[in-house]
Amino acid sequence: MKNKKNSQEKWMDQPDEYKSSNESILDKFEDEQMTDPIPLEELKQQAQDEKNKRHTKSSSSSEKYDRRNEGL
């Protein structure tokens, strides 16, 4: 069960869209209730692009998302 949970968390790029009984960190503070979460997958991709400047256009997070949803 733990492995399944870890694999689900790996693909949770937008955690605010998943139903949960736990209070979201964005709900804890009134001034942050209108804040959008930062998509970590895109941040990781941008960091890799900064390291590897010659191949920045050879990969994108949206392509990865499309590949994951092809089987649906």
N, C-alpha and C. Protein backbone atom coordinates (compact mmCIF):
# COMPACT_ATOMS: atom_id res chain seq x y z
N MET A 1 0.83 -1.20 0.00
CA MET A 1 0.00 0.00 0.00
C MET A 1 0.87 1.25 0.00
N LYS A 2 1.98 1.21 0.73
CA LYS A 2 2.84 2.38 0.81
C LYS A 2 3.43 2.72 -0.55
N ASN A 3 3.83 1.72 -1.34
CA ASN A 3 4.38 1.97 -2.67
C ASN A 3 3.35 2.61 -3.57
N LYS A 4 2.09 2.18 -3.47
CA LYS A 4 1.04 2.76 -4.29
C LYS A 4 0.84 4.23 -3.94
N LYS A 5 0.89 4.56 -2.65
CA LYS A 5 0.73 5.94 -2.22
C LYS A 5 1.87 6.80 -2.75
N ASN A 6 3.10 6.29 -2.68
CA ASN A 6 4.24 7.05 -3.18
C ASN A 6 4.14 7.29 -4.67
N SER A 7 3.67 6.31 -5.42
CA SER A 7 3.54 6.49 -6.87
C SER A 7 2.45 7.50 -7.20
N GLN A 8 1.39 7.55 -6.40
CA GLN A 8 0.34 8.55 -6.62
C GLN A 8 0.85 9.95 -6.30
N GLU A 9 1.61 10.09 -5.23
CA GLU A 9 2.15 11.39 -4.85
C GLU A 9 3.12 11.91 -5.90
N LYS A 10 3.80 11.00 -6.58
CA LYS A 10 4.76 11.38 -7.60
C LYS A 10 4.08 12.14 -8.74
N TRP A 11 2.83 11.78 -9.06
CA TRP A 11 2.12 12.39 -10.18
C TRP A 11 1.17 13.50 -9.74
N MET A 12 1.14 13.86 -8.47
CA MET A 12 0.22 14.89 -7.98
C MET A 12 0.82 16.27 -8.20
N ASP A 13 0.76 16.73 -9.43
CA ASP A 13 1.30 18.04 -9.75
C ASP A 13 0.37 19.15 -9.27
N GLN A 14 -0.91 18.86 -9.12
CA GLN A 14 -1.89 19.84 -8.65
C GLN A 14 -2.64 19.26 -7.45
N PRO A 15 -2.02 19.29 -6.28
CA PRO A 15 -2.62 18.64 -5.12
C PRO A 15 -3.92 19.27 -4.66
N ASP A 16 -4.20 20.51 -5.04
CA ASP A 16 -5.43 21.15 -4.61
C ASP A 16 -6.65 20.56 -5.31
N GLU A 17 -6.47 19.80 -6.36
CA GLU A 17 -7.59 19.22 -7.10
C GLU A 17 -7.99 17.83 -6.58
N TYR A 18 -7.25 17.28 -5.64
CA TYR A 18 -7.54 15.96 -5.10
C TYR A 18 -8.33 16.08 -3.81
N LYS A 19 -9.37 15.27 -3.69
CA LYS A 19 -10.20 15.30 -2.48
C LYS A 19 -9.44 14.64 -1.34
N SER A 20 -9.51 15.27 -0.19
CA SER A 20 -8.82 14.77 0.99
C SER A 20 -9.52 15.28 2.24
N SER A 21 -9.44 14.50 3.29
CA SER A 21 -10.02 14.93 4.55
C SER A 21 -9.06 15.85 5.32
N ASN A 22 -7.82 15.90 4.88
CA ASN A 22 -6.83 16.77 5.52
C ASN A 22 -6.99 18.21 5.05
N GLU A 23 -6.74 19.13 5.96
CA GLU A 23 -6.81 20.55 5.62
C GLU A 23 -5.60 20.92 4.77
N SER A 24 -5.83 21.61 3.70
CA SER A 24 -4.76 22.04 2.81
C SER A 24 -3.96 23.16 3.47
N ILE A 25 -2.70 23.24 3.13
CA ILE A 25 -1.87 24.32 3.66
C ILE A 25 -2.37 25.68 3.16
N LEU A 26 -3.03 25.68 2.01
CA LEU A 26 -3.57 26.93 1.47
C LEU A 26 -4.83 27.37 2.22
N ASP A 27 -5.48 26.45 2.94
CA ASP A 27 -6.68 26.79 3.69
C ASP A 27 -6.39 27.26 5.11
N LYS A 28 -5.18 27.09 5.58
CA LYS A 28 -4.85 27.41 6.96
C LYS A 28 -4.82 28.91 7.24
N PHE A 29 -4.40 29.68 6.27
CA PHE A 29 -4.26 31.12 6.47
C PHE A 29 -5.19 31.86 5.52
N GLU A 30 -5.93 32.79 6.05
CA GLU A 30 -6.95 33.51 5.26
C GLU A 30 -6.34 34.26 4.07
N ASP A 31 -5.18 34.87 4.25
CA ASP A 31 -4.59 35.64 3.16
C ASP A 31 -3.98 34.76 2.07
N GLU A 32 -3.89 33.44 2.29
CA GLU A 32 -3.36 32.53 1.28
C GLU A 32 -4.44 31.68 0.63
N GLN A 33 -5.69 31.95 0.90
CA GLN A 33 -6.76 31.13 0.36
C GLN A 33 -6.96 31.35 -1.13
N MET A 34 -6.54 32.46 -1.66
CA MET A 34 -6.67 32.73 -3.10
C MET A 34 -5.35 32.50 -3.84
N THR A 35 -4.44 31.78 -3.23
CA THR A 35 -3.13 31.52 -3.82
C THR A 35 -3.15 30.21 -4.59
N ASP A 36 -2.58 30.22 -5.77
CA ASP A 36 -2.45 28.99 -6.54
C ASP A 36 -1.17 28.28 -6.14
N PRO A 37 -1.21 26.95 -6.02
CA PRO A 37 0.01 26.22 -5.69
C PRO A 37 0.98 26.25 -6.88
N ILE A 38 2.25 26.20 -6.59
CA ILE A 38 3.26 26.20 -7.64
C ILE A 38 3.43 24.77 -8.14
N PRO A 39 3.29 24.53 -9.44
CA PRO A 39 3.47 23.18 -9.97
C PRO A 39 4.95 22.78 -9.88
N LEU A 40 5.26 21.86 -8.98
CA LEU A 40 6.64 21.49 -8.73
C LEU A 40 7.28 20.82 -9.93
N GLU A 41 6.49 20.11 -10.71
CA GLU A 41 7.04 19.44 -11.89
C GLU A 41 7.64 20.46 -12.86
N GLU A 42 6.96 21.57 -13.05
CA GLU A 42 7.47 22.61 -13.94
C GLU A 42 8.71 23.28 -13.36
N LEU A 43 8.75 23.47 -12.05
CA LEU A 43 9.93 24.06 -11.43
C LEU A 43 11.15 23.16 -11.59
N LYS A 44 10.95 21.85 -11.42
CA LYS A 44 12.05 20.91 -11.60
C LYS A 44 12.53 20.93 -13.05
N GLN A 45 11.60 20.99 -13.98
CA GLN A 45 11.95 21.03 -15.40
C GLN A 45 12.73 22.31 -15.72
N GLN A 46 12.32 23.43 -15.16
CA GLN A 46 13.03 24.69 -15.39
C GLN A 46 14.44 24.65 -14.80
N ALA A 47 14.60 24.03 -13.64
CA ALA A 47 15.92 23.91 -13.03
C ALA A 47 16.83 23.05 -13.90
N GLN A 48 16.29 21.96 -14.46
CA GLN A 48 17.08 21.12 -15.36
C GLN A 48 17.44 21.87 -16.63
N ASP A 49 16.52 22.67 -17.14
CA ASP A 49 16.78 23.46 -18.34
C ASP A 49 17.90 24.48 -18.09
N GLU A 50 17.93 25.06 -16.90
CA GLU A 50 18.98 26.02 -16.58
C GLU A 50 20.34 25.34 -16.53
N LYS A 51 20.38 24.10 -16.05
CA LYS A 51 21.64 23.37 -15.99
C LYS A 51 22.09 22.94 -17.38
N ASN A 52 21.14 22.58 -18.23
CA ASN A 52 21.44 22.02 -19.54
C ASN A 52 20.87 22.95 -20.61
N LYS A 53 21.50 24.08 -20.82
CA LYS A 53 20.95 25.14 -21.67
C LYS A 53 20.83 24.77 -23.14
N ARG A 54 21.63 23.86 -23.64
CA ARG A 54 21.58 23.49 -25.06
C ARG A 54 20.34 22.67 -25.40
N HIS A 55 19.78 21.96 -24.44
CA HIS A 55 18.65 21.07 -24.72
C HIS A 55 17.38 21.52 -24.01
N THR A 56 17.18 22.80 -23.87
CA THR A 56 16.02 23.29 -23.13
C THR A 56 14.71 23.03 -23.85
N LYS A 57 14.71 23.01 -25.15
CA LYS A 57 13.46 22.82 -25.89
C LYS A 57 13.21 21.36 -26.25
N SER A 58 14.06 20.45 -25.79
CA SER A 58 13.86 19.04 -26.12
C SER A 58 12.93 18.34 -25.14
N SER A 59 12.53 19.03 -24.09
CA SER A 59 11.61 18.42 -23.12
C SER A 59 10.68 19.48 -22.55
N SER A 60 9.48 19.03 -22.15
CA SER A 60 8.54 19.95 -21.51
C SER A 60 7.64 19.16 -20.58
N SER A 61 7.16 19.82 -19.54
CA SER A 61 6.29 19.14 -18.58
C SER A 61 4.94 18.84 -19.20
N SER A 62 4.48 19.65 -20.14
CA SER A 62 3.18 19.38 -20.77
C SER A 62 3.23 18.13 -21.64
N GLU A 63 4.37 17.85 -22.27
CA GLU A 63 4.51 16.62 -23.04
C GLU A 63 4.43 15.41 -22.12
N LYS A 64 5.05 15.49 -20.96
CA LYS A 64 5.00 14.38 -20.01
C LYS A 64 3.57 14.16 -19.56
N TYR A 65 2.82 15.24 -19.32
CA TYR A 65 1.43 15.12 -18.89
C TYR A 65 0.60 14.46 -19.98
N ASP A 66 0.81 14.83 -21.23
CA ASP A 66 0.06 14.24 -22.34
C ASP A 66 0.36 12.76 -22.48
N ARG A 67 1.60 12.36 -22.30
CA ARG A 67 1.97 10.95 -22.40
C ARG A 67 1.30 10.12 -21.31
N ARG A 68 1.18 10.68 -20.11
CA ARG A 68 0.56 9.95 -19.01
C ARG A 68 -0.93 9.76 -19.25
N ASN A 69 -1.58 10.69 -19.93
CA ASN A 69 -3.02 10.63 -20.13
C ASN A 69 -3.43 9.93 -21.42
N GLU A 70 -2.48 9.44 -22.21
CA GLU A 70 -2.83 8.76 -23.45
C GLU A 70 -3.61 7.48 -23.20
N GLY A 71 -3.33 6.78 -22.11
CA GLY A 71 -3.98 5.51 -21.82
C GLY A 71 -5.38 5.65 -21.25
N LEU A 72 -5.83 6.86 -20.96
CA LEU A 72 -7.15 7.07 -20.35
C LEU A 72 -8.27 6.91 -21.30
